[in-house]
Amino acid sequence: MDEHELRATLVSLLQRVAPEVEPGTLDPRLPLREQVDLDSMDFLNFLISVHERLGVDIPEADYGRLRCLDDLVAYLRPGVGAA
């Protein structure tokens, strides 16, 4: 999975939790929870869906590092084999 596919997958999973998300309006450098008004349970559900879809373990200790789309891509890229 390349970086573009990874980003598209993450946005698709985010839309399952927050259907109002419009991909073109997301800034990959800004915190997701603020951009789409996710509460902590929504964010947890999003991370669980990422784990289930991509098979990458995300320890709870790392949740705070995963604030924006760019953070998620950098964190997940090694685990999904993206170049």
PDB file of N, CA and C in Angstrom:
ATOM      1  N   MET A   1       0.853  -1.180   0.000  1.00  0.00           N
ATOM      2  CA  MET A   1       0.000   0.000   0.000  1.00  0.00           C
ATOM      3  C   MET A   1       0.895   1.238   0.000  1.00  0.00           C
ATOM      4  N   ASP A   2       0.697   2.106  -0.994  1.00  0.00           N
ATOM      5  CA  ASP A   2       1.510   3.319  -1.033  1.00  0.00           C
ATOM      6  C   ASP A   2       0.876   4.400  -0.151  1.00  0.00           C
ATOM      7  N   GLU A   3       1.559   5.516  -0.039  1.00  0.00           N
ATOM      8  CA  GLU A   3       1.098   6.577   0.871  1.00  0.00           C
ATOM      9  C   GLU A   3      -0.269   7.115   0.464  1.00  0.00           C
ATOM     10  N   HIS A   4      -0.503   7.267  -0.821  1.00  0.00           N
ATOM     11  CA  HIS A   4      -1.793   7.772  -1.299  1.00  0.00           C
ATOM     12  C   HIS A   4      -2.924   6.816  -0.907  1.00  0.00           C
ATOM     13  N   GLU A   5      -2.701   5.528  -1.094  1.00  0.00           N
ATOM     14  CA  GLU A   5      -3.708   4.521  -0.726  1.00  0.00           C
ATOM     15  C   GLU A   5      -3.937   4.508   0.783  1.00  0.00           C
ATOM     16  N   LEU A   6      -2.866   4.657   1.539  1.00  0.00           N
ATOM     17  CA  LEU A   6      -2.980   4.690   2.997  1.00  0.00           C
ATOM     18  C   LEU A   6      -3.816   5.881   3.445  1.00  0.00           C
ATOM     19  N   ARG A   7      -3.537   7.061   2.885  1.00  0.00           N
ATOM     20  CA  ARG A   7      -4.320   8.254   3.231  1.00  0.00           C
ATOM     21  C   ARG A   7      -5.794   8.061   2.867  1.00  0.00           C
ATOM     22  N   ALA A   8      -6.053   7.528   1.697  1.00  0.00           N
ATOM     23  CA  ALA A   8      -7.430   7.302   1.259  1.00  0.00           C
ATOM     24  C   ALA A   8      -8.137   6.320   2.191  1.00  0.00           C
ATOM     25  N   THR A   9      -7.439   5.285   2.610  1.00  0.00           N
ATOM     26  CA  THR A   9      -8.020   4.308   3.542  1.00  0.00           C
ATOM     27  C   THR A   9      -8.333   4.963   4.872  1.00  0.00           C
ATOM     28  N   LEU A  10      -7.419   5.774   5.377  1.00  0.00           N
ATOM     29  CA  LEU A  10      -7.643   6.450   6.659  1.00  0.00           C
ATOM     30  C   LEU A  10      -8.850   7.384   6.578  1.00  0.00           C
ATOM     31  N   VAL A  11      -8.959   8.130   5.497  1.00  0.00           N
ATOM     32  CA  VAL A  11     -10.097   9.040   5.342  1.00  0.00           C
ATOM     33  C   VAL A  11     -11.394   8.245   5.246  1.00  0.00           C
ATOM     34  N   SER A  12     -11.381   7.151   4.531  1.00  0.00           N
ATOM     35  CA  SER A  12     -12.566   6.302   4.415  1.00  0.00           C
ATOM     36  C   SER A  12     -12.997   5.765   5.783  1.00  0.00           C
ATOM     37  N   LEU A  13     -12.033   5.322   6.574  1.00  0.00           N
ATOM     38  CA  LEU A  13     -12.340   4.827   7.917  1.00  0.00           C
ATOM     39  C   LEU A  13     -12.839   5.951   8.814  1.00  0.00           C
ATOM     40  N   LEU A  14     -12.275   7.119   8.656  1.00  0.00           N
ATOM     41  CA  LEU A  14     -12.727   8.275   9.429  1.00  0.00           C
ATOM     42  C   LEU A  14     -14.175   8.622   9.084  1.00  0.00           C
ATOM     43  N   GLN A  15     -14.522   8.489   7.816  1.00  0.00           N
ATOM     44  CA  GLN A  15     -15.889   8.796   7.386  1.00  0.00           C
ATOM     45  C   GLN A  15     -16.906   7.816   7.961  1.00  0.00           C
ATOM     46  N   ARG A  16     -16.476   6.613   8.304  1.00  0.00           N
ATOM     47  CA  ARG A  16     -17.390   5.662   8.950  1.00  0.00           C
ATOM     48  C   ARG A  16     -17.780   6.131  10.345  1.00  0.00           C
ATOM     49  N   VAL A  17     -16.842   6.779  11.019  1.00  0.00           N
ATOM     50  CA  VAL A  17     -17.086   7.278  12.371  1.00  0.00           C
ATOM     51  C   VAL A  17     -17.733   8.661  12.322  1.00  0.00           C
ATOM     52  N   ALA A  18     -17.331   9.447  11.346  1.00  0.00           N
ATOM     53  CA  ALA A  18     -17.830  10.821  11.192  1.00  0.00           C
ATOM     54  C   ALA A  18     -18.240  11.029   9.738  1.00  0.00           C
ATOM     55  N   PRO A  19     -19.472  10.622   9.382  1.00  0.00           N
ATOM     56  CA  PRO A  19     -19.912  10.685   7.982  1.00  0.00           C
ATOM     57  C   PRO A  19     -19.881  12.077   7.359  1.00  0.00           C
ATOM     58  N   GLU A  20     -19.843  13.092   8.186  1.00  0.00           N
ATOM     59  CA  GLU A  20     -19.832  14.465   7.663  1.00  0.00           C
ATOM     60  C   GLU A  20     -18.475  14.892   7.115  1.00  0.00           C
ATOM     61  N   VAL A  21     -17.450  14.076   7.298  1.00  0.00           N
ATOM     62  CA  VAL A  21     -16.097  14.406   6.839  1.00  0.00           C
ATOM     63  C   VAL A  21     -16.071  14.521   5.321  1.00  0.00           C
ATOM     64  N   GLU A  22     -15.522  15.625   4.852  1.00  0.00           N
ATOM     65  CA  GLU A  22     -15.321  15.843   3.423  1.00  0.00           C
ATOM     66  C   GLU A  22     -13.812  15.794   3.181  1.00  0.00           C
ATOM     67  N   PRO A  23     -13.348  14.775   2.451  1.00  0.00           N
ATOM     68  CA  PRO A  23     -11.908  14.584   2.278  1.00  0.00           C
ATOM     69  C   PRO A  23     -11.158  15.819   1.798  1.00  0.00           C
ATOM     70  N   GLY A  24     -11.730  16.585   0.905  1.00  0.00           N
ATOM     71  CA  GLY A  24     -11.047  17.753   0.365  1.00  0.00           C
ATOM     72  C   GLY A  24     -10.839  18.878   1.354  1.00  0.00           C
ATOM     73  N   THR A  25     -11.548  18.834   2.475  1.00  0.00           N
ATOM     74  CA  THR A  25     -11.426  19.904   3.454  1.00  0.00           C
ATOM     75  C   THR A  25     -10.458  19.579   4.585  1.00  0.00           C
ATOM     76  N   LEU A  26      -9.985  18.324   4.649  1.00  0.00           N
ATOM     77  CA  LEU A  26      -9.067  17.940   5.719  1.00  0.00           C
ATOM     78  C   LEU A  26      -7.672  18.481   5.462  1.00  0.00           C
ATOM     79  N   ASP A  27      -7.114  19.120   6.460  1.00  0.00           N
ATOM     80  CA  ASP A  27      -5.716  19.556   6.410  1.00  0.00           C
ATOM     81  C   ASP A  27      -4.903  18.468   7.107  1.00  0.00           C
ATOM     82  N   PRO A  28      -3.992  17.808   6.401  1.00  0.00           N
ATOM     83  CA  PRO A  28      -3.267  16.682   6.986  1.00  0.00           C
ATOM     84  C   PRO A  28      -2.353  17.051   8.144  1.00  0.00           C
ATOM     85  N   ARG A  29      -2.146  18.353   8.367  1.00  0.00           N
ATOM     86  CA  ARG A  29      -1.261  18.796   9.447  1.00  0.00           C
ATOM     87  C   ARG A  29      -2.006  19.253  10.690  1.00  0.00           C
ATOM     88  N   LEU A  30      -3.318  19.395  10.597  1.00  0.00           N
ATOM     89  CA  LEU A  30      -4.108  19.853  11.744  1.00  0.00           C
ATOM     90  C   LEU A  30      -4.733  18.677  12.481  1.00  0.00           C
ATOM     91  N   PRO A  31      -4.919  18.801  13.790  1.00  0.00           N
ATOM     92  CA  PRO A  31      -5.496  17.699  14.563  1.00  0.00           C
ATOM     93  C   PRO A  31      -6.865  17.262  14.020  1.00  0.00           C
ATOM     94  N   LEU A  32      -7.001  15.974  13.799  1.00  0.00           N
ATOM     95  CA  LEU A  32      -8.254  15.421  13.277  1.00  0.00           C
ATOM     96  C   LEU A  32      -9.422  15.680  14.219  1.00  0.00           C
ATOM     97  N   ARG A  33      -9.200  15.497  15.507  1.00  0.00           N
ATOM     98  CA  ARG A  33     -10.295  15.637  16.467  1.00  0.00           C
ATOM     99  C   ARG A  33     -10.888  17.038  16.443  1.00  0.00           C
ATOM    100  N   GLU A  34     -10.098  18.034  16.138  1.00  0.00           N
ATOM    101  CA  GLU A  34     -10.614  19.397  16.061  1.00  0.00           C
ATOM    102  C   GLU A  34     -11.277  19.669  14.716  1.00  0.00           C
ATOM    103  N   GLN A  35     -10.726  19.107  13.655  1.00  0.00           N
ATOM    104  CA  GLN A  35     -11.266  19.356  12.316  1.00  0.00           C
ATOM    105  C   GLN A  35     -12.636  18.733  12.117  1.00  0.00           C
ATOM    106  N   VAL A  36     -12.834  17.568  12.686  1.00  0.00           N
ATOM    107  CA  VAL A  36     -14.105  16.870  12.476  1.00  0.00           C
ATOM    108  C   VAL A  36     -14.882  16.700  13.770  1.00  0.00           C
ATOM    109  N   ASP A  37     -14.462  17.382  14.815  1.00  0.00           N
ATOM    110  CA  ASP A  37     -15.179  17.411  16.083  1.00  0.00           C
ATOM    111  C   ASP A  37     -15.445  16.006  16.625  1.00  0.00           C
ATOM    112  N   LEU A  38     -14.388  15.195  16.700  1.00  0.00           N
ATOM    113  CA  LEU A  38     -14.494  13.852  17.251  1.00  0.00           C
ATOM    114  C   LEU A  38     -14.347  13.901  18.760  1.00  0.00           C
ATOM    115  N   ASP A  39     -15.220  13.183  19.457  1.00  0.00           N
ATOM    116  CA  ASP A  39     -14.999  13.049  20.892  1.00  0.00           C
ATOM    117  C   ASP A  39     -14.040  11.875  21.112  1.00  0.00           C
ATOM    118  N   SER A  40     -13.669  11.631  22.339  1.00  0.00           N
ATOM    119  CA  SER A  40     -12.663  10.602  22.605  1.00  0.00           C
ATOM    120  C   SER A  40     -13.142   9.209  22.194  1.00  0.00           C
ATOM    121  N   MET A  41     -14.417   8.914  22.350  1.00  0.00           N
ATOM    122  CA  MET A  41     -14.941   7.607  21.955  1.00  0.00           C
ATOM    123  C   MET A  41     -14.932   7.450  20.436  1.00  0.00           C
ATOM    124  N   ASP A  42     -15.288   8.489  19.710  1.00  0.00           N
ATOM    125  CA  ASP A  42     -15.222   8.439  18.246  1.00  0.00           C
ATOM    126  C   ASP A  42     -13.785   8.203  17.781  1.00  0.00           C
ATOM    127  N   PHE A  43     -12.847   8.904  18.409  1.00  0.00           N
ATOM    128  CA  PHE A  43     -11.446   8.752  18.014  1.00  0.00           C
ATOM    129  C   PHE A  43     -10.964   7.340  18.310  1.00  0.00           C
ATOM    130  N   LEU A  44     -11.358   6.795  19.459  1.00  0.00           N
ATOM    131  CA  LEU A  44     -10.999   5.427  19.797  1.00  0.00           C
ATOM    132  C   LEU A  44     -11.591   4.449  18.775  1.00  0.00           C
ATOM    133  N   ASN A  45     -12.847   4.633  18.418  1.00  0.00           N
ATOM    134  CA  ASN A  45     -13.474   3.776  17.418  1.00  0.00           C
ATOM    135  C   ASN A  45     -12.758   3.875  16.072  1.00  0.00           C
ATOM    136  N   PHE A  46     -12.325   5.070  15.718  1.00  0.00           N
ATOM    137  CA  PHE A  46     -11.556   5.260  14.489  1.00  0.00           C
ATOM    138  C   PHE A  46     -10.255   4.465  14.546  1.00  0.00           C
ATOM    139  N   LEU A  47      -9.515   4.574  15.651  1.00  0.00           N
ATOM    140  CA  LEU A  47      -8.245   3.854  15.773  1.00  0.00           C
ATOM    141  C   LEU A  47      -8.461   2.343  15.779  1.00  0.00           C
ATOM    142  N   ILE A  48      -9.539   1.887  16.373  1.00  0.00           N
ATOM    143  CA  ILE A  48      -9.858   0.455  16.352  1.00  0.00           C
ATOM    144  C   ILE A  48     -10.128   0.005  14.918  1.00  0.00           C
ATOM    145  N   SER A  49     -10.854   0.810  14.165  1.00  0.00           N
ATOM    146  CA  SER A  49     -11.138   0.446  12.772  1.00  0.00           C
ATOM    147  C   SER A  49      -9.855   0.452  11.933  1.00  0.00           C
ATOM    148  N   VAL A  50      -8.931   1.344  12.253  1.00  0.00           N
ATOM    149  CA  VAL A  50      -7.635   1.366  11.557  1.00  0.00           C
ATOM    150  C   VAL A  50      -6.897   0.059  11.841  1.00  0.00           C
ATOM    151  N   HIS A  51      -6.881  -0.332  13.099  1.00  0.00           N
ATOM    152  CA  HIS A  51      -6.227  -1.592  13.476  1.00  0.00           C
ATOM    153  C   HIS A  51      -6.867  -2.781  12.752  1.00  0.00           C
ATOM    154  N   GLU A  52      -8.190  -2.827  12.755  1.00  0.00           N
ATOM    155  CA  GLU A  52      -8.888  -3.949  12.125  1.00  0.00           C
ATOM    156  C   GLU A  52      -8.654  -3.991  10.618  1.00  0.00           C
ATOM    157  N   ARG A  53      -8.666  -2.850   9.977  1.00  0.00           N
ATOM    158  CA  ARG A  53      -8.519  -2.799   8.509  1.00  0.00           C
ATOM    159  C   ARG A  53      -7.083  -3.046   8.063  1.00  0.00           C
ATOM    160  N   LEU A  54      -6.122  -2.465   8.793  1.00  0.00           N
ATOM    161  CA  LEU A  54      -4.723  -2.525   8.364  1.00  0.00           C
ATOM    162  C   LEU A  54      -3.900  -3.580   9.096  1.00  0.00           C
ATOM    163  N   GLY A  55      -4.422  -4.084  10.202  1.00  0.00           N
ATOM    164  CA  GLY A  55      -3.700  -5.100  10.957  1.00  0.00           C
ATOM    165  C   GLY A  55      -2.478  -4.586  11.690  1.00  0.00           C
ATOM    166  N   VAL A  56      -2.446  -3.304  11.954  1.00  0.00           N
ATOM    167  CA  VAL A  56      -1.320  -2.702  12.667  1.00  0.00           C
ATOM    168  C   VAL A  56      -1.750  -2.431  14.107  1.00  0.00           C
ATOM    169  N   ASP A  57      -0.983  -2.976  15.050  1.00  0.00           N
ATOM    170  CA  ASP A  57      -1.274  -2.720  16.460  1.00  0.00           C
ATOM    171  C   ASP A  57      -0.922  -1.282  16.804  1.00  0.00           C
ATOM    172  N   ILE A  58      -1.836  -0.640  17.518  1.00  0.00           N
ATOM    173  CA  ILE A  58      -1.614   0.739  17.969  1.00  0.00           C
ATOM    174  C   ILE A  58      -1.783   0.731  19.481  1.00  0.00           C
ATOM    175  N   PRO A  59      -0.672   0.665  20.220  1.00  0.00           N
ATOM    176  CA  PRO A  59      -0.771   0.666  21.683  1.00  0.00           C
ATOM    177  C   PRO A  59      -1.401   1.963  22.194  1.00  0.00           C
ATOM    178  N   GLU A  60      -2.159   1.839  23.257  1.00  0.00           N
ATOM    179  CA  GLU A  60      -2.821   3.008  23.835  1.00  0.00           C
ATOM    180  C   GLU A  60      -1.824   4.109  24.177  1.00  0.00           C
ATOM    181  N   ALA A  61      -0.624   3.733  24.541  1.00  0.00           N
ATOM    182  CA  ALA A  61       0.411   4.720  24.878  1.00  0.00           C
ATOM    183  C   ALA A  61       0.760   5.609  23.685  1.00  0.00           C
ATOM    184  N   ASP A  62       0.470   5.157  22.466  1.00  0.00           N
ATOM    185  CA  ASP A  62       0.798   5.925  21.263  1.00  0.00           C
ATOM    186  C   ASP A  62      -0.347   6.819  20.785  1.00  0.00           C
ATOM    187  N   TYR A  63      -1.523   6.696  21.339  1.00  0.00           N
ATOM    188  CA  TYR A  63      -2.682   7.455  20.862  1.00  0.00           C
ATOM    189  C   TYR A  63      -2.410   8.952  20.805  1.00  0.00           C
ATOM    190  N   GLY A  64      -1.732   9.482  21.799  1.00  0.00           N
ATOM    191  CA  GLY A  64      -1.455  10.910  21.854  1.00  0.00           C
ATOM    192  C   GLY A  64      -0.553  11.408  20.742  1.00  0.00           C
ATOM    193  N   ARG A  65       0.212  10.513  20.141  1.00  0.00           N
ATOM    194  CA  ARG A  65       1.111  10.882  19.029  1.00  0.00           C
ATOM    195  C   ARG A  65       0.376  10.971  17.704  1.00  0.00           C
ATOM    196  N   LEU A  66      -0.840  10.477  17.666  1.00  0.00           N
ATOM    197  CA  LEU A  66      -1.575  10.353  16.413  1.00  0.00           C
ATOM    198  C   LEU A  66      -2.645  11.429  16.306  1.00  0.00           C
ATOM    199  N   ARG A  67      -2.208  12.651  16.232  1.00  0.00           N
ATOM    200  CA  ARG A  67      -3.134  13.774  16.251  1.00  0.00           C
ATOM    201  C   ARG A  67      -3.685  14.134  14.875  1.00  0.00           C
ATOM    202  N   CYS A  68      -2.853  14.082  13.863  1.00  0.00           N
ATOM    203  CA  CYS A  68      -3.288  14.527  12.545  1.00  0.00           C
ATOM    204  C   CYS A  68      -3.075  13.413  11.512  1.00  0.00           C
ATOM    205  N   LEU A  69      -3.594  13.617  10.331  1.00  0.00           N
ATOM    206  CA  LEU A  69      -3.485  12.622   9.275  1.00  0.00           C
ATOM    207  C   LEU A  69      -2.022  12.319   8.945  1.00  0.00           C
ATOM    208  N   ASP A  70      -1.178  13.346   8.907  1.00  0.00           N
ATOM    209  CA  ASP A  70       0.249  13.131   8.647  1.00  0.00           C
ATOM    210  C   ASP A  70       0.892  12.252   9.720  1.00  0.00           C
ATOM    211  N   ASP A  71       0.501  12.464  10.991  1.00  0.00           N
ATOM    212  CA  ASP A  71       1.019  11.634  12.089  1.00  0.00           C
ATOM    213  C   ASP A  71       0.644  10.171  11.877  1.00  0.00           C
ATOM    214  N   LEU A  72      -0.606   9.948  11.522  1.00  0.00           N
ATOM    215  CA  LEU A  72      -1.086   8.583  11.309  1.00  0.00           C
ATOM    216  C   LEU A  72      -0.356   7.907  10.150  1.00  0.00           C
ATOM    217  N   VAL A  73      -0.193   8.622   9.065  1.00  0.00           N
ATOM    218  CA  VAL A  73       0.493   8.051   7.903  1.00  0.00           C
ATOM    219  C   VAL A  73       1.937   7.679   8.276  1.00  0.00           C
ATOM    220  N   ALA A  74       2.647   8.572   8.940  1.00  0.00           N
ATOM    221  CA  ALA A  74       4.032   8.300   9.328  1.00  0.00           C
ATOM    222  C   ALA A  74       4.114   7.117  10.284  1.00  0.00           C
ATOM    223  N   TYR A  75       3.167   7.019  11.182  1.00  0.00           N
ATOM    224  CA  TYR A  75       3.154   5.937  12.175  1.00  0.00           C
ATOM    225  C   TYR A  75       2.835   4.590  11.531  1.00  0.00           C
ATOM    226  N   LEU A  76       1.872   4.590  10.621  1.00  0.00           N
ATOM    227  CA  LEU A  76       1.370   3.346  10.044  1.00  0.00           C
ATOM    228  C   LEU A  76       2.160   2.855   8.837  1.00  0.00           C
ATOM    229  N   ARG A  77       2.811   3.755   8.133  1.00  0.00           N
ATOM    230  CA  ARG A  77       3.496   3.404   6.889  1.00  0.00           C
ATOM    231  C   ARG A  77       4.415   2.194   7.033  1.00  0.00           C
ATOM    232  N   PRO A  78       5.286   2.107   8.052  1.00  0.00           N
ATOM    233  CA  PRO A  78       6.154   0.929   8.153  1.00  0.00           C
ATOM    234  C   PRO A  78       5.369  -0.375   8.345  1.00  0.00           C
ATOM    235  N   GLY A  79       4.263  -0.304   9.047  1.00  0.00           N
ATOM    236  CA  GLY A  79       3.484  -1.495   9.330  1.00  0.00           C
ATOM    237  C   GLY A  79       2.643  -2.011   8.182  1.00  0.00           C
ATOM    238  N   VAL A  80       2.386  -1.152   7.209  1.00  0.00           N
ATOM    239  CA  VAL A  80       1.563  -1.583   6.059  1.00  0.00           C
ATOM    240  C   VAL A  80       2.408  -1.731   4.803  1.00  0.00           C
ATOM    241  N   GLY A  81       3.701  -1.564   4.928  1.00  0.00           N
ATOM    242  CA  GLY A  81       4.589  -1.807   3.799  1.00  0.00           C
ATOM    243  C   GLY A  81       4.573  -0.729   2.736  1.00  0.00           C
ATOM    244  N   ALA A  82       4.143   0.484   3.090  1.00  0.00           N
ATOM    245  CA  ALA A  82       4.140   1.577   2.109  1.00  0.00           C
ATOM    246  C   ALA A  82       5.555   2.065   1.891  1.00  0.00           C
ATOM    247  N   ALA A  83       5.791   2.498   0.683  1.00  0.00           N
ATOM    248  CA  ALA A  83       7.123   3.023   0.345  1.00  0.00           C
ATOM    249  C   ALA A  83       7.232   4.491   0.650  1.00  0.00           C
TER     250      ALA A  83
END
